[in-house]
């Protein structure tokens, strides 16, 4: 860890790197492997008959402590027995996790982002065949002095329905190791500060993980990505 990093972020976390699907240039290294967790995923609106969309995130990512860069692979899959037709995958960042780019996808304008999020991209698919999947390389940064979350909603082509939503689910660590070049983060783990005596991380963004969809719907519809549900209800969980 550089002296600059130590001075500016006393709560920086450090450790070794580990696996995600793709390695993006300039980000922390990782071994190849398919993202395998739908943790925090739930069905929201009814999908067309025979269509069953889900998403996957890597169970672990690695953050470079100097650059704060990391790479994530987001995957959408059709586990049904019919073609999905036109759908959208959204990749949305919260708090300390900022989505900088998703290969092949369009950024959501800042004034059209869901409440509490800091960044997002929309990935349009003309169709996803039954049993098929599509993976996207996500370039992101992670401020290790904060909590960080990511959300993957799958919407209809016109953005009017959300068939599935994974998250917002956190990446983090509860066991920081100072002076290592990188910090490994686990999916579904709230990030903890490295400095002794710190009771909790700064809390930003929505107070609840799922918030009611209000004026955000109109903004997202204008961006071609409407219907992102942050409702306080807990819809039925997708059975694996």
Protein backbone atom coordinates (compact mmCIF):
# COMPACT_ATOMS: atom_id res chain seq x y z
CA UNK A 1 0.00 0.00 0.00
CA UNK A 2 1.44 3.38 -0.97
CA UNK A 3 1.93 6.21 1.49
CA UNK A 4 -0.61 8.23 -0.48
CA UNK A 5 -3.20 5.48 -0.08
CA UNK A 6 -2.44 5.18 3.62
CA UNK A 7 -2.85 8.92 4.13
CA UNK A 8 -6.07 9.41 2.14
CA UNK A 9 -7.97 6.28 3.11
CA UNK A 10 -7.04 4.96 6.55
CA UNK A 11 -9.78 2.38 6.26
CA UNK A 12 -8.32 0.68 3.17
CA UNK A 13 -8.54 -3.08 3.14
CA UNK A 14 -5.89 -5.33 1.65
CA UNK A 15 -5.40 -8.99 0.66
CA UNK A 16 -4.75 -11.35 -2.24
CA UNK A 17 -6.67 -11.47 -5.52
CA UNK A 18 -8.93 -14.29 -6.66
CA UNK A 19 -11.36 -15.45 -9.33
CA UNK A 20 -13.85 -13.83 -11.67
CA UNK A 21 -14.76 -14.80 -15.22
CA UNK A 22 -12.73 -12.26 -17.19
CA UNK A 23 -9.65 -10.16 -16.46
CA UNK A 24 -10.05 -6.58 -17.60
CA UNK A 25 -6.93 -4.66 -18.57
CA UNK A 26 -5.65 -2.53 -15.71
CA UNK A 27 -7.74 -4.26 -13.03
CA UNK A 28 -6.84 -6.67 -10.26
CA UNK A 29 -6.03 -10.16 -11.52
CA UNK A 30 -8.34 -13.15 -11.27
CA UNK A 31 -8.59 -16.72 -12.44
CA UNK A 32 -11.03 -17.60 -15.21
CA UNK A 33 -14.27 -19.26 -14.22
CA UNK A 34 -18.03 -18.89 -14.68
CA UNK A 35 -19.87 -16.64 -12.23
CA UNK A 36 -21.85 -19.04 -10.14
CA UNK A 37 -24.10 -17.29 -7.63
CA UNK A 38 -27.63 -15.93 -7.90
CA UNK A 39 -27.52 -14.84 -4.25
CA UNK A 40 -30.00 -12.08 -3.53
CA UNK A 41 -32.00 -12.90 -6.65
CA UNK A 42 -35.79 -12.87 -6.83
CA UNK A 43 -38.60 -12.99 -9.38
CA UNK A 44 -40.63 -9.80 -9.64
CA UNK A 45 -43.07 -9.55 -12.59
CA UNK A 46 -44.45 -12.59 -14.40
CA UNK A 47 -42.33 -13.49 -17.44
CA UNK A 48 -43.90 -14.81 -20.67
CA UNK A 49 -44.80 -18.52 -20.57
CA UNK A 50 -41.70 -20.68 -20.97
CA UNK A 51 -39.28 -17.84 -20.17
CA UNK A 52 -37.33 -17.99 -16.91
CA UNK A 53 -34.53 -15.44 -16.64
CA UNK A 54 -31.94 -15.43 -13.86
CA UNK A 55 -28.56 -13.79 -13.30
CA UNK A 56 -25.20 -14.80 -11.85
CA UNK A 57 -22.38 -12.88 -10.19
CA UNK A 58 -18.91 -14.14 -9.22
CA UNK A 59 -18.69 -15.26 -5.61
CA UNK A 60 -15.42 -13.33 -5.24
CA UNK A 61 -13.82 -10.26 -6.76
CA UNK A 62 -10.49 -8.55 -6.11
CA UNK A 63 -9.88 -4.83 -5.69
CA UNK A 64 -6.48 -3.27 -6.42
CA UNK A 65 -5.68 -1.13 -3.39
CA UNK A 66 -3.74 1.45 -5.34
CA UNK A 67 -6.10 2.06 -8.28
CA UNK A 68 -9.34 0.85 -6.65
CA UNK A 69 -10.08 -1.00 -9.91
CA UNK A 70 -11.82 -4.34 -10.08
CA UNK A 71 -13.51 -6.55 -12.65
CA UNK A 72 -16.84 -8.32 -12.37
CA UNK A 73 -18.63 -10.63 -14.79
CA UNK A 74 -22.41 -10.34 -14.92
CA UNK A 75 -24.31 -13.19 -16.55
CA UNK A 76 -27.94 -13.46 -17.61
CA UNK A 77 -29.46 -16.87 -18.35
CA UNK A 78 -32.74 -18.16 -19.73
CA UNK A 79 -33.56 -21.28 -17.75
CA UNK A 80 -36.93 -21.69 -19.45
CA UNK A 81 -37.91 -23.74 -22.51
CA UNK A 82 -38.75 -20.86 -24.88
CA UNK A 83 -36.84 -17.99 -26.44
CA UNK A 84 -36.89 -14.88 -24.25
CA UNK A 85 -37.60 -12.35 -26.98
CA UNK A 86 -36.18 -8.86 -26.43
CA UNK A 87 -34.88 -8.31 -22.89
CA UNK A 88 -32.55 -5.91 -21.08
CA UNK A 89 -29.96 -6.63 -18.41
CA UNK A 90 -29.15 -3.67 -16.18
CA UNK A 91 -25.90 -3.45 -14.20
CA UNK A 92 -26.25 -0.86 -11.42
CA UNK A 93 -23.70 0.22 -8.78
CA UNK A 94 -24.35 1.52 -5.27
CA UNK A 95 -22.29 3.24 -2.59
CA UNK A 96 -18.57 2.35 -2.83
CA UNK A 97 -18.99 0.24 -5.98
CA UNK A 98 -19.10 2.33 -9.17
CA UNK A 99 -19.70 0.73 -12.56
CA UNK A 100 -17.34 2.38 -15.06
CA UNK A 101 -18.17 0.35 -18.14
CA UNK A 102 -19.88 -2.79 -19.41
CA UNK A 103 -18.65 -4.08 -22.74
CA UNK A 104 -21.33 -3.87 -25.40
CA UNK A 105 -23.77 -1.94 -23.19
CA UNK A 106 -25.01 1.66 -23.00
CA UNK A 107 -24.67 3.91 -19.93
CA UNK A 108 -27.83 4.99 -18.12
CA UNK A 109 -27.83 8.81 -17.87
CA UNK A 110 -27.08 10.10 -14.37
CA UNK A 111 -30.49 11.78 -14.08
CA UNK A 112 -32.21 8.50 -14.99
CA UNK A 113 -30.48 6.23 -12.48
CA UNK A 114 -32.51 4.43 -9.79
CA UNK A 115 -32.67 6.25 -6.47
CA UNK A 116 -29.54 5.70 -4.38
CA UNK A 117 -27.40 4.33 -7.20
CA UNK A 118 -24.29 6.01 -8.55
CA UNK A 119 -23.88 4.36 -11.96
CA UNK A 120 -25.52 1.94 -14.35
CA UNK A 121 -25.48 0.37 -17.81
CA UNK A 122 -28.19 -1.22 -19.94
CA UNK A 123 -27.42 -4.31 -22.02
CA UNK A 124 -30.01 -5.03 -24.73
CA UNK A 125 -30.52 -8.54 -26.09
CA UNK A 126 -32.71 -9.27 -29.11
CA UNK A 127 -33.29 -12.75 -27.77
CA UNK A 128 -31.88 -15.38 -25.43
CA UNK A 129 -32.57 -18.94 -26.47
CA UNK A 130 -33.90 -21.52 -24.03
CA UNK A 131 -31.01 -22.73 -21.88
CA UNK A 132 -28.64 -20.09 -23.23
CA UNK A 133 -26.67 -17.49 -21.28
CA UNK A 134 -24.82 -14.27 -22.03
CA UNK A 135 -21.90 -12.88 -19.99
CA UNK A 136 -20.77 -9.26 -19.77
CA UNK A 137 -17.39 -7.94 -18.66
CA UNK A 138 -17.91 -5.18 -16.09
CA UNK A 139 -15.22 -2.58 -15.37
CA UNK A 140 -15.70 -1.06 -11.91
CA UNK A 141 -14.02 0.72 -9.02
CA UNK A 142 -14.55 0.08 -5.31
CA UNK A 143 -13.95 2.62 -2.54
CA UNK A 144 -12.85 0.30 0.26
CA UNK A 145 -13.73 2.89 2.90
CA UNK A 146 -17.41 2.27 2.13
CA UNK A 147 -19.87 -0.54 1.63
CA UNK A 148 -20.46 -1.47 -2.01
CA UNK A 149 -23.39 -3.11 -3.77
CA UNK A 150 -24.36 -4.18 -7.28
CA UNK A 151 -27.78 -4.91 -8.74
CA UNK A 152 -28.73 -6.95 -11.85
CA UNK A 153 -32.35 -6.50 -12.96
CA UNK A 154 -33.62 -8.32 -16.07
CA UNK A 155 -36.39 -6.42 -17.84
CA UNK A 156 -38.67 -6.78 -20.81
CA UNK A 157 -37.49 -5.16 -24.04
CA UNK A 158 -39.66 -2.07 -23.49
CA UNK A 159 -38.59 -1.79 -19.85
CA UNK A 160 -42.16 -2.05 -18.56
CA UNK A 161 -41.61 -5.24 -16.55
CA UNK A 162 -38.81 -6.60 -14.40
CA UNK A 163 -38.75 -10.38 -14.66
CA UNK A 164 -35.87 -10.89 -12.23
CA UNK A 165 -33.68 -8.81 -9.93
CA UNK A 166 -30.47 -9.83 -8.20
CA UNK A 167 -29.64 -7.42 -5.41
CA UNK A 168 -28.67 -4.82 -4.56
CA UNK A 169 -26.27 -7.38 -3.11
CA UNK A 170 -23.05 -6.37 -1.30
CA UNK A 171 -19.44 -7.29 -1.94
CA UNK A 172 -17.14 -6.95 1.07
CA UNK A 173 -14.78 -8.42 3.62
CA UNK A 174 -14.89 -8.75 7.40
CA UNK A 175 -11.24 -9.82 7.70
CA UNK A 176 -8.96 -7.19 6.13
CA UNK A 177 -5.22 -7.90 5.82
CA UNK A 178 -3.18 -4.67 5.84
CA UNK A 179 -0.24 -4.08 3.51
CA UNK A 180 -1.25 -6.57 0.81
CA UNK A 181 -1.52 -5.32 -2.79
CA UNK A 182 -5.19 -6.20 -3.24
CA UNK A 183 -8.36 -6.80 -1.27
CA UNK A 184 -10.51 -9.89 -1.89
CA UNK A 185 -14.23 -9.30 -1.48
CA UNK A 186 -16.98 -11.92 -1.06
CA UNK A 187 -20.46 -11.68 -2.54
CA UNK A 188 -23.14 -11.19 0.10
CA UNK A 189 -20.70 -9.82 2.69
CA UNK A 190 -20.97 -6.33 4.17
CA UNK A 191 -17.64 -4.54 3.92
CA UNK A 192 -15.90 -3.67 7.21
CA UNK A 193 -13.33 -0.89 7.78
CA UNK A 194 -9.74 -1.83 8.48
CA UNK A 195 -9.04 0.79 11.14
CA UNK A 196 -9.52 -0.43 14.75
CA UNK A 197 -12.37 1.15 16.68
CA UNK A 198 -14.48 1.92 13.65
CA UNK A 199 -17.92 0.61 14.45
CA UNK A 200 -19.43 0.85 11.00
CA UNK A 201 -18.87 2.02 7.47
CA UNK A 202 -20.25 5.25 6.07
CA UNK A 203 -23.85 4.60 5.03
CA UNK A 204 -24.92 6.11 1.72
CA UNK A 205 -27.65 5.39 -0.75
CA UNK A 206 -31.06 3.90 0.10
CA UNK A 207 -31.76 2.98 3.71
CA UNK A 208 -33.44 -0.21 2.51
CA UNK A 209 -32.21 -2.59 -0.13
CA UNK A 210 -35.52 -2.45 -1.99
CA UNK A 211 -37.28 0.89 -2.36
CA UNK A 212 -40.65 1.72 -3.93
CA UNK A 213 -40.52 2.71 -7.57
CA UNK A 214 -41.68 6.32 -7.85
CA UNK A 215 -40.53 8.98 -10.25
CA UNK A 216 -37.57 6.78 -11.13
CA UNK A 217 -39.87 4.70 -13.37
CA UNK A 218 -40.50 7.54 -15.77
CA UNK A 219 -36.82 8.41 -15.92
CA UNK A 220 -35.81 4.84 -16.58
CA UNK A 221 -38.51 4.46 -19.22
CA UNK A 222 -37.06 7.48 -21.00
CA UNK A 223 -33.68 5.74 -20.87
CA UNK A 224 -35.19 2.53 -22.21
CA UNK A 225 -34.74 0.85 -18.83
CA UNK A 226 -37.93 1.31 -16.86
CA UNK A 227 -39.45 -0.90 -14.22
CA UNK A 228 -36.51 -1.35 -11.89
CA UNK A 229 -38.25 -2.38 -8.70
CA UNK A 230 -36.92 -1.32 -5.33
CA UNK A 231 -40.03 -2.39 -3.42
CA UNK A 232 -40.01 -3.13 0.28
CA UNK A 233 -41.96 -6.31 -0.35
CA UNK A 234 -40.03 -9.53 -0.70
CA UNK A 235 -41.21 -11.30 -3.88
CA UNK A 236 -40.90 -15.03 -4.11
CA UNK A 237 -37.30 -16.20 -4.39
CA UNK A 238 -36.21 -17.97 -7.55
CA UNK A 239 -35.75 -21.64 -6.91
CA UNK A 240 -32.36 -22.90 -8.04
